[in-house]
N, C-alpha and C. Protein backbone atom coordinates (compact mmCIF):
# COMPACT_ATOMS: atom_id res chain seq x y z
N MET A 1 93.90 117.78 99.15
CA MET A 1 94.38 117.11 97.96
C MET A 1 93.68 115.76 97.85
N ALA A 2 93.01 115.52 96.75
CA ALA A 2 92.26 114.29 96.57
C ALA A 2 93.19 113.12 96.30
N LYS A 3 92.79 111.96 96.84
CA LYS A 3 93.59 110.76 96.58
C LYS A 3 93.34 110.27 95.16
N LYS A 4 94.36 109.72 94.57
CA LYS A 4 94.24 109.17 93.23
C LYS A 4 93.52 107.83 93.34
N LYS A 5 92.50 107.64 92.48
CA LYS A 5 91.76 106.38 92.51
C LYS A 5 92.64 105.25 92.00
N THR A 6 92.57 104.12 92.69
CA THR A 6 93.32 102.96 92.23
C THR A 6 92.39 102.06 91.43
N GLU A 7 92.95 101.30 90.55
CA GLU A 7 92.19 100.38 89.71
C GLU A 7 91.65 99.25 90.57
N ILE A 8 90.39 98.93 90.41
CA ILE A 8 89.75 97.85 91.18
C ILE A 8 89.88 96.55 90.40
N ASP A 9 90.29 95.49 91.09
CA ASP A 9 90.50 94.18 90.47
C ASP A 9 89.17 93.42 90.43
N TRP A 10 88.31 93.80 89.47
CA TRP A 10 86.99 93.17 89.39
C TRP A 10 87.07 91.70 89.01
N ALA A 11 88.06 91.32 88.24
CA ALA A 11 88.21 89.90 87.88
C ALA A 11 88.50 89.08 89.13
N GLY A 12 89.38 89.58 89.99
CA GLY A 12 89.69 88.88 91.24
C GLY A 12 88.50 88.84 92.17
N ILE A 13 87.75 89.93 92.23
CA ILE A 13 86.55 89.97 93.07
C ILE A 13 85.53 88.96 92.58
N LYS A 14 85.34 88.91 91.26
CA LYS A 14 84.37 87.96 90.70
C LYS A 14 84.81 86.52 90.97
N SER A 15 86.11 86.27 90.84
CA SER A 15 86.63 84.93 91.10
C SER A 15 86.37 84.53 92.56
N ASP A 16 86.63 85.44 93.48
CA ASP A 16 86.37 85.14 94.90
C ASP A 16 84.88 85.01 95.17
N TRP A 17 84.08 85.79 94.47
CA TRP A 17 82.62 85.71 94.61
C TRP A 17 82.14 84.30 94.26
N GLU A 18 82.70 83.77 93.16
CA GLU A 18 82.24 82.47 92.65
C GLU A 18 82.85 81.29 93.40
N LYS A 19 84.11 81.42 93.88
CA LYS A 19 84.81 80.24 94.36
C LYS A 19 85.15 80.22 95.84
N SER A 20 84.95 81.31 96.56
CA SER A 20 85.35 81.30 97.97
C SER A 20 84.13 81.34 98.89
N ASP A 21 84.37 80.95 100.13
CA ASP A 21 83.28 81.00 101.11
C ASP A 21 83.37 82.25 101.97
N TRP A 22 84.21 83.20 101.59
CA TRP A 22 84.31 84.44 102.34
C TRP A 22 83.04 85.26 102.15
N SER A 23 82.70 86.02 103.18
CA SER A 23 81.53 86.89 103.07
C SER A 23 81.83 88.02 102.09
N ILE A 24 80.77 88.65 101.63
CA ILE A 24 80.94 89.75 100.69
C ILE A 24 81.69 90.90 101.37
N ARG A 25 81.40 91.12 102.65
CA ARG A 25 82.09 92.18 103.38
C ARG A 25 83.58 91.89 103.49
N ARG A 26 83.94 90.63 103.70
CA ARG A 26 85.36 90.27 103.80
C ARG A 26 86.06 90.46 102.45
N ILE A 27 85.39 90.07 101.38
CA ILE A 27 85.95 90.28 100.04
C ILE A 27 86.12 91.79 99.79
N ALA A 28 85.12 92.57 100.17
CA ALA A 28 85.18 94.02 99.99
C ALA A 28 86.34 94.62 100.77
N GLU A 29 86.53 94.14 101.98
CA GLU A 29 87.65 94.64 102.81
C GLU A 29 88.98 94.27 102.16
N TRP A 30 89.06 93.05 101.64
CA TRP A 30 90.30 92.57 101.02
C TRP A 30 90.69 93.43 99.83
N TYR A 31 89.71 93.74 98.98
CA TYR A 31 89.99 94.50 97.77
C TYR A 31 89.82 96.01 97.96
N GLN A 32 89.51 96.43 99.16
CA GLN A 32 89.37 97.83 99.53
C GLN A 32 88.34 98.56 98.68
N VAL A 33 87.17 97.93 98.56
CA VAL A 33 86.01 98.56 97.93
C VAL A 33 84.82 98.35 98.87
N SER A 34 83.72 99.01 98.60
CA SER A 34 82.55 98.82 99.45
C SER A 34 81.81 97.55 99.05
N ASP A 35 81.17 96.93 100.04
CA ASP A 35 80.41 95.72 99.74
C ASP A 35 79.21 96.06 98.84
N GLY A 36 78.69 97.28 98.97
CA GLY A 36 77.59 97.72 98.10
C GLY A 36 78.02 97.76 96.64
N ALA A 37 79.26 98.19 96.40
CA ALA A 37 79.77 98.25 95.02
C ALA A 37 79.87 96.85 94.44
N ILE A 38 80.28 95.90 95.27
CA ILE A 38 80.38 94.51 94.79
C ILE A 38 79.00 93.96 94.48
N ARG A 39 78.05 94.18 95.38
CA ARG A 39 76.67 93.69 95.15
C ARG A 39 76.08 94.32 93.88
N LYS A 40 76.32 95.62 93.69
CA LYS A 40 75.79 96.32 92.51
C LYS A 40 76.39 95.74 91.24
N ARG A 41 77.70 95.51 91.24
CA ARG A 41 78.38 94.96 90.06
C ARG A 41 77.87 93.54 89.79
N ALA A 42 77.71 92.74 90.85
CA ALA A 42 77.23 91.37 90.68
C ALA A 42 75.83 91.35 90.08
N LYS A 43 74.99 92.27 90.50
CA LYS A 43 73.63 92.34 89.97
C LYS A 43 73.63 92.79 88.51
N GLN A 44 74.45 93.82 88.20
CA GLN A 44 74.52 94.34 86.82
C GLN A 44 75.02 93.28 85.85
N GLU A 45 76.08 92.55 86.26
CA GLU A 45 76.69 91.58 85.36
C GLU A 45 76.10 90.18 85.54
N GLU A 46 75.11 90.05 86.42
CA GLU A 46 74.43 88.78 86.68
C GLU A 46 75.40 87.67 87.02
N TRP A 47 76.23 87.92 88.06
CA TRP A 47 77.16 86.90 88.53
C TRP A 47 76.36 85.74 89.11
N PRO A 48 76.91 84.50 89.08
CA PRO A 48 76.20 83.35 89.63
C PRO A 48 76.05 83.47 91.15
N ASP A 49 75.16 82.63 91.69
CA ASP A 49 74.95 82.64 93.14
C ASP A 49 76.23 82.28 93.88
N ARG A 50 76.32 82.74 95.11
CA ARG A 50 77.48 82.47 95.95
C ARG A 50 77.51 81.00 96.35
N PRO A 51 78.69 80.38 96.47
CA PRO A 51 78.78 78.97 96.87
C PRO A 51 78.38 78.77 98.33
N LYS A 52 77.91 77.57 98.62
CA LYS A 52 77.57 77.23 99.99
C LYS A 52 78.42 76.04 100.38
N GLY A 53 79.57 76.30 100.90
CA GLY A 53 80.48 75.22 101.27
C GLY A 53 81.72 75.81 101.91
N THR A 54 82.71 74.98 102.05
CA THR A 54 83.94 75.45 102.67
C THR A 54 85.06 75.40 101.65
N GLN A 55 84.94 76.22 100.63
CA GLN A 55 85.99 76.31 99.64
C GLN A 55 87.00 77.36 100.09
N LYS A 56 88.21 77.18 99.65
CA LYS A 56 89.28 78.12 100.01
C LYS A 56 89.24 79.33 99.08
N PRO A 57 89.61 80.53 99.61
CA PRO A 57 89.68 81.70 98.75
C PRO A 57 90.78 81.53 97.71
N VAL A 58 90.57 82.12 96.56
CA VAL A 58 91.53 82.02 95.48
C VAL A 58 92.45 83.24 95.54
N ARG A 59 93.44 83.19 96.42
CA ARG A 59 94.40 84.29 96.57
C ARG A 59 95.50 83.88 97.52
N ASN A 60 96.53 84.70 97.60
CA ASN A 60 97.60 84.49 98.56
C ASN A 60 97.12 84.90 99.94
N SER A 61 97.91 84.62 100.96
CA SER A 61 97.53 85.02 102.30
C SER A 61 97.78 86.50 102.55
N GLU A 62 98.50 87.16 101.66
CA GLU A 62 98.80 88.58 101.81
C GLU A 62 97.83 89.41 100.97
N PRO A 63 97.45 90.59 101.47
CA PRO A 63 96.62 91.47 100.65
C PRO A 63 97.38 91.90 99.40
N PRO A 64 96.66 92.34 98.39
CA PRO A 64 97.34 92.76 97.17
C PRO A 64 98.33 93.89 97.46
N LYS A 65 99.48 93.83 96.84
CA LYS A 65 100.51 94.83 97.06
C LYS A 65 100.17 96.09 96.27
N ARG A 66 100.32 97.23 96.90
CA ARG A 66 100.10 98.51 96.24
C ARG A 66 101.44 99.01 95.74
N ASP A 67 101.44 99.58 94.56
CA ASP A 67 102.66 100.17 94.02
C ASP A 67 103.06 101.35 94.90
N PRO A 68 104.37 101.53 95.12
CA PRO A 68 104.79 102.68 95.92
C PRO A 68 104.43 103.99 95.23
N VAL A 69 104.14 104.98 96.03
CA VAL A 69 103.81 106.30 95.50
C VAL A 69 105.12 107.07 95.39
N ILE A 70 105.54 107.36 94.16
CA ILE A 70 106.81 108.04 93.93
C ILE A 70 106.52 109.53 93.71
N MET A 71 107.09 110.34 94.59
CA MET A 71 106.95 111.79 94.48
C MET A 71 108.35 112.39 94.57
N ALA A 72 108.73 113.16 93.60
CA ALA A 72 110.05 113.81 93.55
C ALA A 72 111.17 112.79 93.70
N GLY A 73 110.99 111.62 93.10
CA GLY A 73 112.03 110.59 93.12
C GLY A 73 112.14 109.84 94.42
N VAL A 74 111.15 109.96 95.31
CA VAL A 74 111.19 109.31 96.62
C VAL A 74 109.92 108.51 96.81
N ASP A 75 110.05 107.33 97.41
CA ASP A 75 108.89 106.52 97.76
C ASP A 75 108.17 107.21 98.91
N ALA A 76 107.00 107.78 98.64
CA ALA A 76 106.27 108.57 99.64
C ALA A 76 105.70 107.71 100.76
N THR A 77 105.79 106.39 100.64
CA THR A 77 105.30 105.52 101.71
C THR A 77 106.42 105.10 102.65
N ASP A 78 107.66 105.51 102.36
CA ASP A 78 108.80 105.15 103.20
C ASP A 78 109.29 106.38 103.96
N PRO A 79 109.00 106.46 105.26
CA PRO A 79 109.38 107.66 106.03
C PRO A 79 110.88 107.94 106.02
N ASP A 80 111.71 106.90 106.03
CA ASP A 80 113.16 107.13 106.04
C ASP A 80 113.62 107.84 104.78
N GLN A 81 113.06 107.45 103.62
CA GLN A 81 113.43 108.12 102.37
C GLN A 81 112.97 109.57 102.38
N ILE A 82 111.79 109.81 102.91
CA ILE A 82 111.25 111.18 102.96
C ILE A 82 112.14 112.06 103.83
N VAL A 83 112.49 111.56 105.01
CA VAL A 83 113.32 112.34 105.94
C VAL A 83 114.70 112.60 105.33
N SER A 84 115.29 111.57 104.73
CA SER A 84 116.60 111.73 104.12
C SER A 84 116.56 112.78 103.00
N ARG A 85 115.56 112.70 102.15
CA ARG A 85 115.43 113.66 101.05
C ARG A 85 115.19 115.07 101.59
N GLY A 86 114.36 115.17 102.65
CA GLY A 86 114.09 116.47 103.25
C GLY A 86 115.34 117.09 103.85
N ASN A 87 116.14 116.29 104.54
CA ASN A 87 117.38 116.81 105.12
C ASN A 87 118.34 117.28 104.02
N ASN A 88 118.45 116.50 102.94
CA ASN A 88 119.32 116.92 101.83
C ASN A 88 118.85 118.25 101.24
N LEU A 89 117.55 118.39 101.07
CA LEU A 89 117.00 119.63 100.52
C LEU A 89 117.29 120.81 101.44
N ILE A 90 117.13 120.63 102.73
CA ILE A 90 117.39 121.71 103.69
C ILE A 90 118.85 122.13 103.63
N PHE A 91 119.76 121.16 103.57
CA PHE A 91 121.18 121.50 103.50
C PHE A 91 121.52 122.26 102.21
N ARG A 92 120.91 121.86 101.09
CA ARG A 92 121.15 122.58 99.84
C ARG A 92 120.62 124.01 99.93
N LEU A 93 119.44 124.18 100.52
CA LEU A 93 118.89 125.52 100.67
C LEU A 93 119.75 126.38 101.59
N LEU A 94 120.30 125.78 102.63
CA LEU A 94 121.20 126.52 103.52
C LEU A 94 122.46 126.95 102.77
N ASP A 95 122.98 126.09 101.90
CA ASP A 95 124.14 126.46 101.08
C ASP A 95 123.82 127.64 100.16
N GLU A 96 122.64 127.60 99.54
CA GLU A 96 122.24 128.71 98.68
C GLU A 96 122.09 130.00 99.49
N LEU A 97 121.51 129.89 100.67
CA LEU A 97 121.35 131.06 101.53
C LEU A 97 122.71 131.61 101.95
N ASP A 98 123.64 130.71 102.23
CA ASP A 98 124.99 131.13 102.60
C ASP A 98 125.64 131.91 101.46
N ALA A 99 125.49 131.41 100.25
CA ALA A 99 126.07 132.09 99.10
C ALA A 99 125.43 133.46 98.90
N ALA A 100 124.11 133.54 99.05
CA ALA A 100 123.43 134.82 98.89
C ALA A 100 123.83 135.81 99.99
N THR A 101 124.01 135.30 101.20
CA THR A 101 124.39 136.16 102.31
C THR A 101 125.81 136.65 102.16
N THR A 102 126.69 135.78 101.71
CA THR A 102 128.09 136.14 101.53
C THR A 102 128.24 137.26 100.50
N HIS A 103 127.45 137.22 99.46
CA HIS A 103 127.57 138.19 98.38
C HIS A 103 126.41 139.18 98.36
N GLN A 104 125.81 139.46 99.51
CA GLN A 104 124.63 140.31 99.59
C GLN A 104 124.90 141.72 99.09
N SER A 105 126.00 142.30 99.48
CA SER A 105 126.28 143.68 99.05
C SER A 105 126.52 143.74 97.54
N GLU A 106 127.18 142.73 96.99
CA GLU A 106 127.41 142.69 95.55
C GLU A 106 126.09 142.54 94.79
N LEU A 107 125.18 141.69 95.33
CA LEU A 107 123.86 141.51 94.71
C LEU A 107 123.09 142.82 94.74
N ALA A 108 123.14 143.53 95.86
CA ALA A 108 122.42 144.81 95.97
C ALA A 108 122.95 145.81 94.96
N GLU A 109 124.26 145.88 94.79
CA GLU A 109 124.86 146.80 93.82
C GLU A 109 124.43 146.45 92.39
N LEU A 110 124.41 145.14 92.07
CA LEU A 110 123.98 144.72 90.73
C LEU A 110 122.51 145.06 90.47
N ILE A 111 121.69 144.87 91.49
CA ILE A 111 120.26 145.18 91.33
C ILE A 111 120.09 146.68 91.09
N GLU A 112 120.77 147.49 91.89
CA GLU A 112 120.66 148.95 91.75
C GLU A 112 121.16 149.41 90.38
N ALA A 113 122.24 148.81 89.92
CA ALA A 113 122.86 149.26 88.67
C ALA A 113 122.11 148.81 87.42
N HIS A 114 121.49 147.62 87.45
CA HIS A 114 120.95 147.06 86.20
C HIS A 114 119.43 146.96 86.15
N GLU A 115 118.74 147.26 87.21
CA GLU A 115 117.28 147.13 87.18
C GLU A 115 116.65 148.51 87.05
N ASP A 116 115.88 148.71 85.99
CA ASP A 116 115.27 150.02 85.74
C ASP A 116 113.87 150.14 86.34
N ASP A 117 113.14 149.03 86.37
CA ASP A 117 111.76 149.06 86.89
C ASP A 117 111.81 149.22 88.42
N PRO A 118 111.26 150.32 88.96
CA PRO A 118 111.36 150.55 90.41
C PRO A 118 110.63 149.49 91.25
N ARG A 119 109.50 148.98 90.77
CA ARG A 119 108.77 147.95 91.54
C ARG A 119 109.57 146.66 91.59
N ARG A 120 110.13 146.29 90.46
CA ARG A 120 110.93 145.07 90.40
C ARG A 120 112.21 145.21 91.23
N ARG A 121 112.83 146.40 91.17
CA ARG A 121 114.03 146.67 91.96
C ARG A 121 113.72 146.54 93.46
N ALA A 122 112.60 147.11 93.88
CA ALA A 122 112.21 147.05 95.30
C ALA A 122 111.97 145.60 95.73
N ALA A 123 111.32 144.82 94.87
CA ALA A 123 111.05 143.41 95.20
C ALA A 123 112.35 142.62 95.30
N MET A 124 113.28 142.88 94.40
CA MET A 124 114.55 142.17 94.43
C MET A 124 115.39 142.56 95.64
N MET A 125 115.37 143.83 95.99
CA MET A 125 116.11 144.29 97.17
C MET A 125 115.52 143.68 98.45
N LYS A 126 114.20 143.59 98.46
CA LYS A 126 113.54 142.99 99.64
C LYS A 126 113.94 141.53 99.78
N ALA A 127 114.12 140.85 98.66
CA ALA A 127 114.47 139.43 98.69
C ALA A 127 115.86 139.18 99.25
N VAL A 128 116.79 140.12 99.04
CA VAL A 128 118.15 139.90 99.51
C VAL A 128 118.45 140.58 100.83
N GLU A 129 117.49 141.30 101.41
CA GLU A 129 117.72 141.99 102.68
C GLU A 129 117.66 141.02 103.85
N LEU A 130 118.17 141.47 105.00
CA LEU A 130 118.29 140.64 106.19
C LEU A 130 116.98 140.04 106.68
N PRO A 131 115.88 140.77 106.80
CA PRO A 131 114.65 140.16 107.31
C PRO A 131 114.18 138.97 106.47
N GLY A 132 114.30 139.08 105.18
CA GLY A 132 113.91 137.97 104.31
C GLY A 132 114.77 136.75 104.54
N ARG A 133 116.07 136.97 104.65
CA ARG A 133 116.99 135.86 104.88
C ARG A 133 116.77 135.25 106.26
N ALA A 134 116.48 136.09 107.25
CA ALA A 134 116.22 135.59 108.60
C ALA A 134 114.98 134.70 108.62
N ASN A 135 113.95 135.09 107.87
CA ASN A 135 112.73 134.27 107.79
C ASN A 135 113.01 132.93 107.11
N VAL A 136 113.87 132.95 106.11
CA VAL A 136 114.23 131.71 105.42
C VAL A 136 114.96 130.78 106.39
N VAL A 137 115.90 131.32 107.16
CA VAL A 137 116.64 130.50 108.13
C VAL A 137 115.68 129.92 109.17
N LYS A 138 114.76 130.74 109.64
CA LYS A 138 113.77 130.27 110.63
C LYS A 138 112.92 129.13 110.06
N ALA A 139 112.45 129.31 108.83
CA ALA A 139 111.63 128.26 108.20
C ALA A 139 112.43 126.98 108.00
N LEU A 140 113.69 127.11 107.58
CA LEU A 140 114.53 125.93 107.38
C LEU A 140 114.81 125.21 108.70
N ALA A 141 115.04 125.99 109.77
CA ALA A 141 115.29 125.39 111.08
C ALA A 141 114.05 124.62 111.56
N THR A 142 112.89 125.20 111.35
CA THR A 142 111.65 124.51 111.73
C THR A 142 111.47 123.23 110.92
N ALA A 143 111.74 123.29 109.63
CA ALA A 143 111.62 122.11 108.77
C ALA A 143 112.60 121.04 109.21
N PHE A 144 113.84 121.44 109.51
CA PHE A 144 114.86 120.48 109.93
C PHE A 144 114.45 119.81 111.24
N LYS A 145 113.93 120.59 112.17
CA LYS A 145 113.47 120.03 113.45
C LYS A 145 112.33 119.03 113.22
N THR A 146 111.41 119.37 112.35
CA THR A 146 110.28 118.49 112.05
C THR A 146 110.75 117.18 111.43
N TRP A 147 111.69 117.26 110.45
CA TRP A 147 112.22 116.04 109.82
C TRP A 147 112.88 115.15 110.86
N ASN A 148 113.69 115.75 111.73
CA ASN A 148 114.41 114.95 112.72
C ASN A 148 113.49 114.36 113.76
N GLU A 149 112.42 115.06 114.13
CA GLU A 149 111.46 114.50 115.07
C GLU A 149 110.74 113.31 114.44
N ALA A 150 110.47 113.40 113.16
CA ALA A 150 109.80 112.29 112.47
C ALA A 150 110.71 111.07 112.41
N LYS A 151 111.99 111.29 112.34
CA LYS A 151 112.96 110.21 112.22
C LYS A 151 113.36 109.64 113.57
N ALA A 152 113.19 110.42 114.65
CA ALA A 152 113.66 110.03 115.97
C ALA A 152 112.93 108.80 116.49
N PRO A 153 113.62 107.96 117.25
CA PRO A 153 112.95 106.81 117.85
C PRO A 153 112.02 107.26 118.97
N GLU A 154 111.28 106.32 119.49
CA GLU A 154 110.38 106.63 120.60
C GLU A 154 111.17 107.20 121.77
N GLY A 155 110.50 107.97 122.59
CA GLY A 155 111.13 108.51 123.78
C GLY A 155 111.39 107.42 124.81
N LYS A 156 112.15 107.76 125.84
CA LYS A 156 112.51 106.78 126.87
C LYS A 156 111.28 106.24 127.58
N LYS A 157 110.33 107.11 127.86
CA LYS A 157 109.12 106.68 128.57
C LYS A 157 108.35 105.65 127.74
N ALA A 158 108.20 105.91 126.44
CA ALA A 158 107.49 104.98 125.57
C ALA A 158 108.25 103.66 125.44
N GLN A 159 109.59 103.73 125.39
CA GLN A 159 110.40 102.51 125.31
C GLN A 159 110.25 101.68 126.57
N ARG A 160 110.27 102.34 127.74
CA ARG A 160 110.10 101.60 129.00
C ARG A 160 108.72 100.96 129.08
N GLN A 161 107.69 101.68 128.64
CA GLN A 161 106.34 101.14 128.67
C GLN A 161 106.22 99.94 127.74
N ALA A 162 106.80 100.01 126.55
CA ALA A 162 106.75 98.89 125.61
C ALA A 162 107.45 97.67 126.20
N LYS A 163 108.58 97.89 126.86
CA LYS A 163 109.31 96.79 127.47
C LYS A 163 108.50 96.17 128.61
N ALA A 164 107.86 97.01 129.42
CA ALA A 164 107.03 96.52 130.52
C ALA A 164 105.84 95.72 129.99
N ASP A 165 105.23 96.20 128.91
CA ASP A 165 104.10 95.47 128.31
C ASP A 165 104.56 94.11 127.79
N GLU A 166 105.74 94.08 127.20
CA GLU A 166 106.28 92.82 126.67
C GLU A 166 106.51 91.82 127.80
N ILE A 167 107.05 92.29 128.90
CA ILE A 167 107.33 91.41 130.03
C ILE A 167 106.02 90.93 130.66
N ALA A 168 105.06 91.82 130.78
CA ALA A 168 103.79 91.48 131.43
C ALA A 168 102.92 90.56 130.58
N SER A 169 103.23 90.44 129.30
CA SER A 169 102.39 89.65 128.41
C SER A 169 102.50 88.14 128.65
N GLY A 170 103.43 87.72 129.45
CA GLY A 170 103.54 86.29 129.75
C GLY A 170 104.92 85.77 129.41
N GLY A 171 105.04 84.47 129.44
CA GLY A 171 106.31 83.85 129.13
C GLY A 171 107.15 83.63 130.37
N LYS A 172 108.40 83.43 130.15
CA LYS A 172 109.34 83.07 131.21
C LYS A 172 109.47 84.14 132.28
N PHE A 173 109.37 85.40 131.90
CA PHE A 173 109.60 86.48 132.84
C PHE A 173 108.31 87.17 133.28
N ALA A 174 107.19 86.52 133.12
CA ALA A 174 105.92 87.12 133.53
C ALA A 174 105.87 87.23 135.05
N PRO A 175 105.21 88.27 135.58
CA PRO A 175 105.10 88.39 137.03
C PRO A 175 104.33 87.21 137.61
N ARG A 176 104.81 86.75 138.72
CA ARG A 176 104.17 85.60 139.36
C ARG A 176 103.12 86.06 140.35
N GLY A 177 102.25 85.14 140.70
CA GLY A 177 101.25 85.43 141.72
C GLY A 177 101.90 85.48 143.09
N GLY A 178 101.10 85.74 144.12
CA GLY A 178 101.62 85.82 145.48
C GLY A 178 102.10 84.47 145.98
N PRO A 179 102.80 84.46 147.12
CA PRO A 179 103.32 83.20 147.66
C PRO A 179 102.18 82.30 148.14
N ARG A 180 102.41 80.99 148.08
CA ARG A 180 101.44 80.02 148.57
C ARG A 180 101.99 79.40 149.85
N LEU A 181 101.13 79.27 150.80
CA LEU A 181 101.52 78.68 152.07
C LEU A 181 101.53 77.17 151.97
N ALA A 182 102.59 76.55 152.45
CA ALA A 182 102.68 75.08 152.43
C ALA A 182 101.87 74.51 153.58
N VAL A 183 101.80 75.23 154.68
CA VAL A 183 101.10 74.77 155.87
C VAL A 183 100.09 75.84 156.25
N ASP A 184 98.89 75.41 156.62
CA ASP A 184 97.87 76.36 157.03
C ASP A 184 98.08 76.67 158.51
N ASN A 185 98.53 77.88 158.83
CA ASN A 185 98.78 78.28 160.21
C ASN A 185 97.61 79.07 160.80
N GLY A 186 96.51 79.05 160.14
CA GLY A 186 95.38 79.86 160.58
C GLY A 186 94.51 79.17 161.62
N LYS A 187 95.05 78.37 162.63
CA LYS A 187 94.23 77.67 163.63
C LYS A 187 93.77 78.56 164.72
């Protein structure tokens, strides 16, 4: 699936080109375009020469904010919303499956009584039979497991390692060096 192209802020790039002392590569990284594209645009539009000094960039200290990607009413960049929506969907599908399973014999009788096309009747009967429902349950269980694993916190081993790294990084609780002798007894 191809990514949707985002609009490039050429006015901001040109402003930084003219007024900041940042390198072209840094500007390109900031605006998430290639430095070649900036050079090409500058040449085409005949932008003025780059400044030689220590001027400040014309922008905030934060990169430009990207609009959230909304898919099916959920911010696709927020894992918690995705997991929550996925769990809700799985529960609804399980409810539908429960209803179909509860009334399976009634559905089969209705299909037999009202469907004249033999191919369509066979397809509908296959949809309400046990193997089809078992596959649906299996797929839903796998999806539920995947959603919950995505939502789960780090494992105990990873948590212990992170804590050890934090302690070892210095500060009040950093490991100390070996003992120092007050008197040299090595005569």
